[in-house]
Amino acid sequence: GMRSVKVSPDGARVTFLRGRDDNQFQLDLWEYNLKDKSQHRLVDSQ
């Protein structure tokens, strides 16, 4: 799942909020890099 999906102003990445595997209601900030096609958690809320 993804919430609050946004394309960055420079068009370099897509960011979104995603729940954790052990708690779908605890949201972290993730990014998808459009250049290298990598996806990873950008900011761990905890």
All heavy atoms as atom14 arrays in JSON, in Angstrom:
{
  "sequence": "GMRSVKVSPDGARVTFLRGRDDNQFQLDLWEYNLKDKSQHRLVDSQ",
  "atom14_mask": [
    [1, 1, 1, 1, 0, 0, 0, 0, 0, 0, 0, 0, 0, 0],
    [1, 1, 1, 1, 1, 1, 1, 1, 0, 0, 0, 0, 0, 0],
    [1, 1, 1, 1, 1, 1, 1, 1, 1, 1, 1, 0, 0, 0],
    [1, 1, 1, 1, 1, 1, 0, 0, 0, 0, 0, 0, 0, 0],
    [1, 1, 1, 1, 1, 1, 1, 0, 0, 0, 0, 0, 0, 0],
    [1, 1, 1, 1, 1, 1, 1, 1, 1, 0, 0, 0, 0, 0],
    [1, 1, 1, 1, 1, 1, 1, 0, 0, 0, 0, 0, 0, 0],
    [1, 1, 1, 1, 1, 1, 0, 0, 0, 0, 0, 0, 0, 0],
    [1, 1, 1, 1, 1, 1, 1, 0, 0, 0, 0, 0, 0, 0],
    [1, 1, 1, 1, 1, 1, 1, 1, 0, 0, 0, 0, 0, 0],
    [1, 1, 1, 1, 0, 0, 0, 0, 0, 0, 0, 0, 0, 0],
    [1, 1, 1, 1, 1, 0, 0, 0, 0, 0, 0, 0, 0, 0],
    [1, 1, 1, 1, 1, 1, 1, 1, 1, 1, 1, 0, 0, 0],
    [1, 1, 1, 1, 1, 1, 1, 0, 0, 0, 0, 0, 0, 0],
    [1, 1, 1, 1, 1, 1, 1, 0, 0, 0, 0, 0, 0, 0],
    [1, 1, 1, 1, 1, 1, 1, 1, 1, 1, 1, 0, 0, 0],
    [1, 1, 1, 1, 1, 1, 1, 1, 0, 0, 0, 0, 0, 0],
    [1, 1, 1, 1, 1, 1, 1, 1, 1, 1, 1, 0, 0, 0],
    [1, 1, 1, 1, 0, 0, 0, 0, 0, 0, 0, 0, 0, 0],
    [1, 1, 1, 1, 1, 1, 1, 1, 1, 1, 1, 0, 0, 0],
    [1, 1, 1, 1, 1, 1, 1, 1, 0, 0, 0, 0, 0, 0],
    [1, 1, 1, 1, 1, 1, 1, 1, 0, 0, 0, 0, 0, 0],
    [1, 1, 1, 1, 1, 1, 1, 1, 0, 0, 0, 0, 0, 0],
    [1, 1, 1, 1, 1, 1, 1, 1, 1, 0, 0, 0, 0, 0],
    [1, 1, 1, 1, 1, 1, 1, 1, 1, 1, 1, 0, 0, 0],
    [1, 1, 1, 1, 1, 1, 1, 1, 1, 0, 0, 0, 0, 0],
    [1, 1, 1, 1, 1, 1, 1, 1, 0, 0, 0, 0, 0, 0],
    [1, 1, 1, 1, 1, 1, 1, 1, 0, 0, 0, 0, 0, 0],
    [1, 1, 1, 1, 1, 1, 1, 1, 0, 0, 0, 0, 0, 0],
    [1, 1, 1, 1, 1, 1, 1, 1, 1, 1, 1, 1, 1, 1],
    [1, 1, 1, 1, 1, 1, 1, 1, 1, 0, 0, 0, 0, 0],
    [1, 1, 1, 1, 1, 1, 1, 1, 1, 1, 1, 1, 0, 0],
    [1, 1, 1, 1, 1, 1, 1, 1, 0, 0, 0, 0, 0, 0],
    [1, 1, 1, 1, 1, 1, 1, 1, 0, 0, 0, 0, 0, 0],
    [1, 1, 1, 1, 1, 1, 1, 1, 1, 0, 0, 0, 0, 0],
    [1, 1, 1, 1, 1, 1, 1, 1, 0, 0, 0, 0, 0, 0],
    [1, 1, 1, 1, 1, 1, 1, 1, 1, 0, 0, 0, 0, 0],
    [1, 1, 1, 1, 1, 1, 0, 0, 0, 0, 0, 0, 0, 0],
    [1, 1, 1, 1, 1, 1, 1, 1, 1, 0, 0, 0, 0, 0],
    [1, 1, 1, 1, 1, 1, 1, 1, 1, 1, 0, 0, 0, 0],
    [1, 1, 1, 1, 1, 1, 1, 1, 1, 1, 1, 0, 0, 0],
    [1, 1, 1, 1, 1, 1, 1, 1, 0, 0, 0, 0, 0, 0],
    [1, 1, 1, 1, 1, 1, 1, 0, 0, 0, 0, 0, 0, 0],
    [1, 1, 1, 1, 1, 1, 1, 1, 0, 0, 0, 0, 0, 0],
    [1, 1, 1, 1, 1, 1, 0, 0, 0, 0, 0, 0, 0, 0],
    [1, 1, 1, 1, 1, 1, 1, 1, 1, 0, 0, 0, 0, 0]
  ],
  "atom14_positions": [
    [[0.8, -1.22, 0.0], [0.0, 0.0, 0.0], [0.83, 1.27, 0.0], [1.98, 1.29, 0.46], [0.0, 0.0, 0.0], [0.0, 0.0, 0.0], [0.0, 0.0, 0.0], [0.0, 0.0, 0.0], [0.0, 0.0, 0.0], [0.0, 0.0, 0.0], [0.0, 0.0, 0.0], [0.0, 0.0, 0.0], [0.0, 0.0, 0.0], [0.0, 0.0, 0.0]],
    [[0.27, 2.35, -0.52], [0.93, 3.64, -0.58], [-0.07, 4.75, -0.29], [-1.2, 4.72, -0.79], [1.55, 3.87, -1.96], [2.64, 2.89, -2.33], [3.32, 3.26, -3.97], [4.56, 1.97, -4.11], [0.0, 0.0, 0.0], [0.0, 0.0, 0.0], [0.0, 0.0, 0.0], [0.0, 0.0, 0.0], [0.0, 0.0, 0.0], [0.0, 0.0, 0.0]],
    [[0.34, 5.71, 0.5], [-0.46, 6.9, 0.78], [0.34, 8.13, 0.4], [1.56, 8.11, 0.38], [-0.81, 6.99, 2.27], [-1.66, 5.85, 2.82], [-1.73, 5.95, 4.34], [-2.55, 4.91, 4.93], [-3.81, 5.05, 5.29], [-4.41, 6.22, 5.12], [-4.49, 4.06, 5.83], [0.0, 0.0, 0.0], [0.0, 0.0, 0.0], [0.0, 0.0, 0.0]],
    [[-0.37, 9.2, 0.16], [0.24, 10.51, -0.09], [1.37, 10.41, -1.13], [2.5, 10.82, -0.89], [0.79, 11.09, 1.23], [1.15, 12.43, 1.09], [0.0, 0.0, 0.0], [0.0, 0.0, 0.0], [0.0, 0.0, 0.0], [0.0, 0.0, 0.0], [0.0, 0.0, 0.0], [0.0, 0.0, 0.0], [0.0, 0.0, 0.0], [0.0, 0.0, 0.0]],
    [[1.04, 9.86, -2.29], [2.03, 9.69, -3.37], [2.3, 11.05, -4.02], [1.38, 11.79, -4.37], [1.5, 8.7, -4.41], [2.49, 8.56, -5.55], [1.22, 7.34, -3.77], [0.0, 0.0, 0.0], [0.0, 0.0, 0.0], [0.0, 0.0, 0.0], [0.0, 0.0, 0.0], [0.0, 0.0, 0.0], [0.0, 0.0, 0.0], [0.0, 0.0, 0.0]],
    [[3.58, 11.38, -4.18], [3.97, 12.65, -4.8], [5.18, 12.46, -5.7], [6.07, 11.66, -5.4], [4.32, 13.69, -3.72], [3.19, 14.02, -2.76], [3.62, 15.04, -1.71], [2.51, 15.29, -0.7], [2.89, 16.32, 0.3], [0.0, 0.0, 0.0], [0.0, 0.0, 0.0], [0.0, 0.0, 0.0], [0.0, 0.0, 0.0], [0.0, 0.0, 0.0]],
    [[5.19, 13.2, -6.8], [6.38, 13.29, -7.65], [7.17, 14.51, -7.19], [6.61, 15.61, -7.06], [6.0, 13.42, -9.13], [7.26, 13.46, -10.0], [5.1, 12.26, -9.56], [0.0, 0.0, 0.0], [0.0, 0.0, 0.0], [0.0, 0.0, 0.0], [0.0, 0.0, 0.0], [0.0, 0.0, 0.0], [0.0, 0.0, 0.0], [0.0, 0.0, 0.0]],
    [[8.45, 14.34, -6.92], [9.25, 15.46, -6.42], [9.28, 16.59, -7.45], [9.14, 16.37, -8.66], [10.68, 14.99, -6.12], [11.33, 14.55, -7.29], [0.0, 0.0, 0.0], [0.0, 0.0, 0.0], [0.0, 0.0, 0.0], [0.0, 0.0, 0.0], [0.0, 0.0, 0.0], [0.0, 0.0, 0.0], [0.0, 0.0, 0.0], [0.0, 0.0, 0.0]],
    [[9.46, 17.85, -6.98], [9.44, 18.99, -7.9], [10.46, 18.91, -9.03], [10.21, 19.42, -10.12], [9.74, 20.18, -6.97], [9.24, 19.74, -5.64], [9.54, 18.28, -5.57], [0.0, 0.0, 0.0], [0.0, 0.0, 0.0], [0.0, 0.0, 0.0], [0.0, 0.0, 0.0], [0.0, 0.0, 0.0], [0.0, 0.0, 0.0], [0.0, 0.0, 0.0]],
    [[11.59, 18.24, -8.78], [12.59, 18.11, -9.84], [12.36, 16.88, -10.71], [13.12, 16.61, -11.64], [14.01, 18.06, -9.24], [14.19, 16.91, -8.25], [13.25, 16.08, -8.1], [15.25, 16.84, -7.61], [0.0, 0.0, 0.0], [0.0, 0.0, 0.0], [0.0, 0.0, 0.0], [0.0, 0.0, 0.0], [0.0, 0.0, 0.0], [0.0, 0.0, 0.0]],
    [[11.29, 16.12, -10.41], [10.96, 14.95, -11.22], [11.9, 13.78, -11.05], [11.85, 12.82, -11.83], [0.0, 0.0, 0.0], [0.0, 0.0, 0.0], [0.0, 0.0, 0.0], [0.0, 0.0, 0.0], [0.0, 0.0, 0.0], [0.0, 0.0, 0.0], [0.0, 0.0, 0.0], [0.0, 0.0, 0.0], [0.0, 0.0, 0.0], [0.0, 0.0, 0.0]],
    [[12.74, 13.8, -10.01], [13.76, 12.76, -9.86], [13.26, 11.53, -9.12], [13.82, 10.45, -9.25], [14.97, 13.34, -9.13], [0.0, 0.0, 0.0], [0.0, 0.0, 0.0], [0.0, 0.0, 0.0], [0.0, 0.0, 0.0], [0.0, 0.0, 0.0], [0.0, 0.0, 0.0], [0.0, 0.0, 0.0], [0.0, 0.0, 0.0], [0.0, 0.0, 0.0]],
    [[12.22, 11.67, -8.33], [11.78, 10.55, -7.51], [10.29, 10.65, -7.21], [9.69, 11.72, -7.32], [12.58, 10.51, -6.2], [12.65, 11.85, -5.49], [13.44, 11.81, -4.19], [14.77, 11.28, -4.32], [15.84, 11.99, -4.68], [15.7, 13.27, -5.0], [17.02, 11.43, -4.73], [0.0, 0.0, 0.0], [0.0, 0.0, 0.0], [0.0, 0.0, 0.0]],
    [[9.75, 9.53, -6.82], [8.37, 9.46, -6.33], [8.44, 9.09, -4.86], [9.13, 8.13, -4.49], [7.54, 8.42, -7.1], [6.14, 8.3, -6.49], [7.45, 8.8, -8.57], [0.0, 0.0, 0.0], [0.0, 0.0, 0.0], [0.0, 0.0, 0.0], [0.0, 0.0, 0.0], [0.0, 0.0, 0.0], [0.0, 0.0, 0.0], [0.0, 0.0, 0.0]],
    [[7.75, 9.84, -4.04], [7.75, 9.55, -2.6], [6.33, 9.16, -2.16], [5.34, 9.55, -2.78], [8.22, 10.77, -1.79], [7.54, 11.94, -2.26], [9.71, 10.95, -1.92], [0.0, 0.0, 0.0], [0.0, 0.0, 0.0], [0.0, 0.0, 0.0], [0.0, 0.0, 0.0], [0.0, 0.0, 0.0], [0.0, 0.0, 0.0], [0.0, 0.0, 0.0]],
    [[6.27, 8.41, -1.07], [4.97, 7.95, -0.59], [5.11, 7.47, 0.85], [6.22, 7.22, 1.34], [4.44, 6.82, -1.47], [5.4, 5.68, -1.69], [5.42, 4.57, -0.85], [6.3, 5.72, -2.75], [6.31, 3.53, -1.05], [7.2, 4.68, -2.96], [7.2, 3.58, -2.11], [0.0, 0.0, 0.0], [0.0, 0.0, 0.0], [0.0, 0.0, 0.0]],
    [[3.99, 7.37, 1.53], [3.94, 6.83, 2.88], [3.48, 5.38, 2.81], [2.6, 5.04, 2.04], [2.98, 7.64, 3.76], [3.3, 9.13, 3.89], [2.23, 9.82, 4.75], [4.68, 9.35, 4.48], [0.0, 0.0, 0.0], [0.0, 0.0, 0.0], [0.0, 0.0, 0.0], [0.0, 0.0, 0.0], [0.0, 0.0, 0.0], [0.0, 0.0, 0.0]],
    [[4.09, 4.54, 3.64], [3.76, 3.12, 3.63], [3.79, 2.59, 5.06], [4.69, 2.91, 5.85], [4.74, 2.35, 2.75], [4.64, 0.83, 2.87], [5.59, 0.13, 1.9], [5.03, 0.14, 0.55], [5.72, -0.24, -0.53], [6.97, -0.63, -0.41], [5.14, -0.22, -1.71], [0.0, 0.0, 0.0], [0.0, 0.0, 0.0], [0.0, 0.0, 0.0]],
    [[2.82, 1.74, 5.39], [2.8, 1.09, 6.69], [3.87, 0.03, 6.82], [4.35, -0.51, 5.82], [0.0, 0.0, 0.0], [0.0, 0.0, 0.0], [0.0, 0.0, 0.0], [0.0, 0.0, 0.0], [0.0, 0.0, 0.0], [0.0, 0.0, 0.0], [0.0, 0.0, 0.0], [0.0, 0.0, 0.0], [0.0, 0.0, 0.0], [0.0, 0.0, 0.0]],
    [[4.23, -0.26, 8.04], [5.26, -1.26, 8.29], [4.67, -2.67, 8.21], [3.46, -2.87, 8.39], [5.88, -1.03, 9.67], [6.46, 0.36, 9.84], [6.82, 0.64, 11.28], [8.07, 0.02, 11.65], [9.26, 0.6, 11.59], [9.35, 1.85, 11.15], [10.35, -0.02, 11.96], [0.0, 0.0, 0.0], [0.0, 0.0, 0.0], [0.0, 0.0, 0.0]],
    [[5.52, -3.65, 7.95], [5.05, -5.03, 7.85], [4.42, -5.51, 9.15], [3.47, -6.28, 9.14], [6.21, -5.96, 7.48], [6.68, -5.75, 6.05], [5.9, -5.18, 5.25], [7.82, -6.15, 5.73], [0.0, 0.0, 0.0], [0.0, 0.0, 0.0], [0.0, 0.0, 0.0], [0.0, 0.0, 0.0], [0.0, 0.0, 0.0], [0.0, 0.0, 0.0]],
    [[4.95, -5.02, 10.29], [4.44, -5.47, 11.58], [3.38, -4.54, 12.15], [2.83, -4.81, 13.2], [5.59, -5.62, 12.58], [6.33, -4.32, 12.81], [6.13, -3.35, 12.03], [7.13, -4.25, 13.77], [0.0, 0.0, 0.0], [0.0, 0.0, 0.0], [0.0, 0.0, 0.0], [0.0, 0.0, 0.0], [0.0, 0.0, 0.0], [0.0, 0.0, 0.0]],
    [[3.1, -3.43, 11.46], [2.05, -2.51, 11.9], [1.67, -1.62, 10.72], [2.33, -0.62, 10.45], [2.51, -1.67, 13.08], [1.4, -0.78, 13.63], [0.32, -0.7, 13.06], [1.67, -0.11, 14.73], [0.0, 0.0, 0.0], [0.0, 0.0, 0.0], [0.0, 0.0, 0.0], [0.0, 0.0, 0.0], [0.0, 0.0, 0.0], [0.0, 0.0, 0.0]],
    [[0.62, -2.0, 10.03], [0.21, -1.28, 8.83], [-0.22, 0.15, 9.12], [-0.32, 0.98, 8.2], [-0.93, -2.01, 8.14], [-2.17, -2.2, 9.0], [-3.21, -3.07, 8.36], [-3.91, -2.65, 7.45], [-3.3, -4.33, 8.81], [0.0, 0.0, 0.0], [0.0, 0.0, 0.0], [0.0, 0.0, 0.0], [0.0, 0.0, 0.0], [0.0, 0.0, 0.0]],
    [[-0.46, 0.49, 10.4], [-0.89, 1.84, 10.76], [0.27, 2.74, 11.17], [0.07, 3.92, 11.43], [-1.92, 1.77, 11.88], [-3.12, 0.92, 11.54], [-3.3, -0.32, 12.11], [-4.04, 1.35, 10.6], [-4.39, -1.11, 11.79], [-5.13, 0.57, 10.26], [-5.31, -0.67, 10.86], [0.0, 0.0, 0.0], [0.0, 0.0, 0.0], [0.0, 0.0, 0.0]],
    [[1.48, 2.2, 11.25], [2.68, 2.99, 11.55], [3.34, 3.33, 10.22], [3.9, 2.47, 9.55], [3.64, 2.19, 12.43], [4.95, 2.91, 12.75], [4.84, 3.88, 13.9], [4.09, 3.64, 14.85], [5.57, 4.98, 13.85], [0.0, 0.0, 0.0], [0.0, 0.0, 0.0], [0.0, 0.0, 0.0], [0.0, 0.0, 0.0], [0.0, 0.0, 0.0]],
    [[3.28, 4.6, 9.8], [3.69, 4.99, 8.47], [5.11, 5.54, 8.44], [5.49, 6.38, 9.27], [2.73, 6.03, 7.9], [1.24, 5.65, 7.86], [0.43, 6.77, 7.22], [1.02, 4.34, 7.14], [0.0, 0.0, 0.0], [0.0, 0.0, 0.0], [0.0, 0.0, 0.0], [0.0, 0.0, 0.0], [0.0, 0.0, 0.0], [0.0, 0.0, 0.0]],
    [[5.87, 5.08, 7.46], [7.21, 5.6, 7.17], [7.2, 6.26, 5.8], [6.3, 6.03, 4.98], [8.25, 4.48, 7.18], [8.37, 3.79, 8.53], [8.24, 4.48, 9.55], [8.59, 2.56, 8.56], [0.0, 0.0, 0.0], [0.0, 0.0, 0.0], [0.0, 0.0, 0.0], [0.0, 0.0, 0.0], [0.0, 0.0, 0.0], [0.0, 0.0, 0.0]],
    [[8.22, 7.07, 5.53], [8.35, 7.74, 4.24], [9.31, 6.97, 3.34], [10.45, 6.69, 3.73], [8.85, 9.17, 4.45], [9.05, 10.03, 3.19], [7.74, 10.18, 2.41], [9.6, 11.4, 3.56], [0.0, 0.0, 0.0], [0.0, 0.0, 0.0], [0.0, 0.0, 0.0], [0.0, 0.0, 0.0], [0.0, 0.0, 0.0], [0.0, 0.0, 0.0]],
    [[8.84, 6.63, 2.14], [9.62, 5.86, 1.17], [9.86, 6.68, -0.09], [9.16, 7.67, -0.35], [8.87, 4.58, 0.79], [8.85, 3.53, 1.87], [8.25, 3.6, 3.1], [9.47, 2.24, 1.81], [8.46, 2.45, 3.8], [9.18, 1.59, 3.03], [10.21, 1.57, 0.84], [9.63, 0.3, 3.31], [10.65, 0.29, 1.09], [10.38, -0.33, 2.32]],
    [[10.85, 6.24, -0.87], [11.09, 6.88, -2.16], [11.38, 5.84, -3.23], [11.89, 4.74, -2.96], [12.25, 7.86, -2.09], [13.64, 7.21, -2.09], [14.73, 8.15, -2.63], [14.4, 9.27, -3.05], [15.89, 7.73, -2.64], [0.0, 0.0, 0.0], [0.0, 0.0, 0.0], [0.0, 0.0, 0.0], [0.0, 0.0, 0.0], [0.0, 0.0, 0.0]],
    [[11.02, 6.2, -4.46], [11.39, 5.43, -5.64], [12.2, 6.36, -6.52], [11.71, 7.41, -6.95], [10.16, 4.93, -6.39], [10.48, 4.16, -7.65], [10.76, 2.8, -7.59], [10.52, 4.79, -8.88], [11.06, 2.08, -8.74], [10.82, 4.09, -10.03], [11.09, 2.75, -9.96], [11.39, 2.04, -11.1], [0.0, 0.0, 0.0], [0.0, 0.0, 0.0]],
    [[13.45, 6.01, -6.78], [14.34, 6.83, -7.6], [14.11, 6.51, -9.07], [14.3, 5.37, -9.5], [15.8, 6.58, -7.2], [16.73, 7.57, -7.84], [16.91, 7.58, -9.05], [17.36, 8.4, -7.02], [0.0, 0.0, 0.0], [0.0, 0.0, 0.0], [0.0, 0.0, 0.0], [0.0, 0.0, 0.0], [0.0, 0.0, 0.0], [0.0, 0.0, 0.0]],
    [[13.67, 7.5, -9.83], [13.31, 7.26, -11.23], [14.53, 7.0, -12.11], [14.41, 6.39, -13.17], [12.54, 8.47, -11.77], [11.11, 8.61, -11.23], [10.55, 9.99, -11.51], [10.22, 7.55, -11.85], [0.0, 0.0, 0.0], [0.0, 0.0, 0.0], [0.0, 0.0, 0.0], [0.0, 0.0, 0.0], [0.0, 0.0, 0.0], [0.0, 0.0, 0.0]],
    [[15.72, 7.42, -11.66], [16.91, 7.22, -12.46], [17.47, 5.81, -12.32], [17.68, 5.11, -13.32], [17.99, 8.24, -12.08], [19.24, 8.15, -12.94], [20.24, 9.25, -12.57], [21.48, 9.17, -13.46], [22.46, 10.24, -13.11], [0.0, 0.0, 0.0], [0.0, 0.0, 0.0], [0.0, 0.0, 0.0], [0.0, 0.0, 0.0], [0.0, 0.0, 0.0]],
    [[17.7, 5.37, -11.08], [18.28, 4.04, -10.9], [17.24, 2.97, -10.56], [17.56, 1.81, -10.32], [19.37, 4.07, -9.83], [18.84, 4.46, -8.45], [17.63, 4.33, -8.21], [19.64, 4.89, -7.61], [0.0, 0.0, 0.0], [0.0, 0.0, 0.0], [0.0, 0.0, 0.0], [0.0, 0.0, 0.0], [0.0, 0.0, 0.0], [0.0, 0.0, 0.0]],
    [[15.95, 3.39, -10.52], [14.83, 2.46, -10.3], [14.93, 1.71, -8.96], [14.45, 0.59, -8.82], [14.71, 1.47, -11.45], [14.38, 2.13, -12.79], [14.26, 1.11, -13.91], [13.75, 1.76, -15.18], [14.49, 2.95, -15.61], [0.0, 0.0, 0.0], [0.0, 0.0, 0.0], [0.0, 0.0, 0.0], [0.0, 0.0, 0.0], [0.0, 0.0, 0.0]],
    [[15.54, 2.36, -7.98], [15.63, 1.75, -6.65], [14.49, 2.24, -5.78], [13.98, 3.35, -5.96], [16.97, 2.1, -6.0], [17.07, 3.51, -5.77], [0.0, 0.0, 0.0], [0.0, 0.0, 0.0], [0.0, 0.0, 0.0], [0.0, 0.0, 0.0], [0.0, 0.0, 0.0], [0.0, 0.0, 0.0], [0.0, 0.0, 0.0], [0.0, 0.0, 0.0]],
    [[14.07, 1.41, -4.85], [13.01, 1.75, -3.92], [13.47, 1.41, -2.51], [13.95, 0.31, -2.27], [11.73, 0.98, -4.27], [10.55, 1.32, -3.39], [9.27, 0.61, -3.82], [8.44, 0.28, -2.98], [9.11, 0.36, -5.11], [0.0, 0.0, 0.0], [0.0, 0.0, 0.0], [0.0, 0.0, 0.0], [0.0, 0.0, 0.0], [0.0, 0.0, 0.0]],
    [[13.36, 2.37, -1.61], [13.8, 2.11, -0.25], [13.11, 3.08, 0.72], [12.55, 4.09, 0.32], [15.32, 2.26, -0.14], [15.81, 3.65, -0.4], [16.05, 4.13, -1.66], [16.09, 4.67, 0.45], [16.47, 5.39, -1.59], [16.49, 5.74, -0.32], [0.0, 0.0, 0.0], [0.0, 0.0, 0.0], [0.0, 0.0, 0.0], [0.0, 0.0, 0.0]],
    [[13.17, 2.73, 1.99], [12.62, 3.6, 3.02], [13.56, 4.79, 3.2], [14.75, 4.64, 3.46], [12.47, 2.83, 4.33], [11.87, 3.68, 5.46], [11.3, 2.83, 6.6], [12.25, 1.85, 7.06], [11.93, 0.8, 7.81], [10.66, 0.6, 8.15], [12.84, -0.05, 8.22], [0.0, 0.0, 0.0], [0.0, 0.0, 0.0], [0.0, 0.0, 0.0]],
    [[12.98, 5.98, 3.07], [13.78, 7.19, 3.16], [13.86, 7.69, 4.6], [14.92, 8.11, 5.06], [13.16, 8.27, 2.26], [13.95, 9.55, 2.05], [15.24, 9.26, 1.3], [13.12, 10.57, 1.27], [0.0, 0.0, 0.0], [0.0, 0.0, 0.0], [0.0, 0.0, 0.0], [0.0, 0.0, 0.0], [0.0, 0.0, 0.0], [0.0, 0.0, 0.0]],
    [[12.73, 7.65, 5.32], [12.7, 8.13, 6.7], [11.93, 7.12, 7.55], [10.77, 6.81, 7.26], [12.03, 9.51, 6.81], [12.05, 9.99, 8.26], [12.7, 10.52, 5.9], [0.0, 0.0, 0.0], [0.0, 0.0, 0.0], [0.0, 0.0, 0.0], [0.0, 0.0, 0.0], [0.0, 0.0, 0.0], [0.0, 0.0, 0.0], [0.0, 0.0, 0.0]],
    [[12.59, 6.63, 8.59], [11.98, 5.7, 9.53], [11.31, 6.51, 10.63], [11.98, 7.21, 11.39], [13.07, 4.79, 10.11], [12.51, 3.7, 11.01], [11.51, 3.95, 11.71], [13.09, 2.6, 11.05], [0.0, 0.0, 0.0], [0.0, 0.0, 0.0], [0.0, 0.0, 0.0], [0.0, 0.0, 0.0], [0.0, 0.0, 0.0], [0.0, 0.0, 0.0]],
    [[10.0, 6.43, 10.72], [9.27, 7.24, 11.7], [9.68, 6.92, 13.13], [9.74, 7.81, 13.98], [7.76, 7.04, 11.52], [7.41, 5.68, 11.73], [0.0, 0.0, 0.0], [0.0, 0.0, 0.0], [0.0, 0.0, 0.0], [0.0, 0.0, 0.0], [0.0, 0.0, 0.0], [0.0, 0.0, 0.0], [0.0, 0.0, 0.0], [0.0, 0.0, 0.0]],
    [[9.96, 5.66, 13.4], [10.32, 5.28, 14.77], [11.75, 5.71, 15.11], [12.09, 5.81, 16.28], [10.13, 3.78, 14.96], [8.67, 3.37, 14.95], [8.46, 1.94, 15.38], [9.26, 1.05, 15.09], [7.35, 1.7, 16.08], [0.0, 0.0, 0.0], [0.0, 0.0, 0.0], [0.0, 0.0, 0.0], [0.0, 0.0, 0.0], [0.0, 0.0, 0.0]]
  ]
}
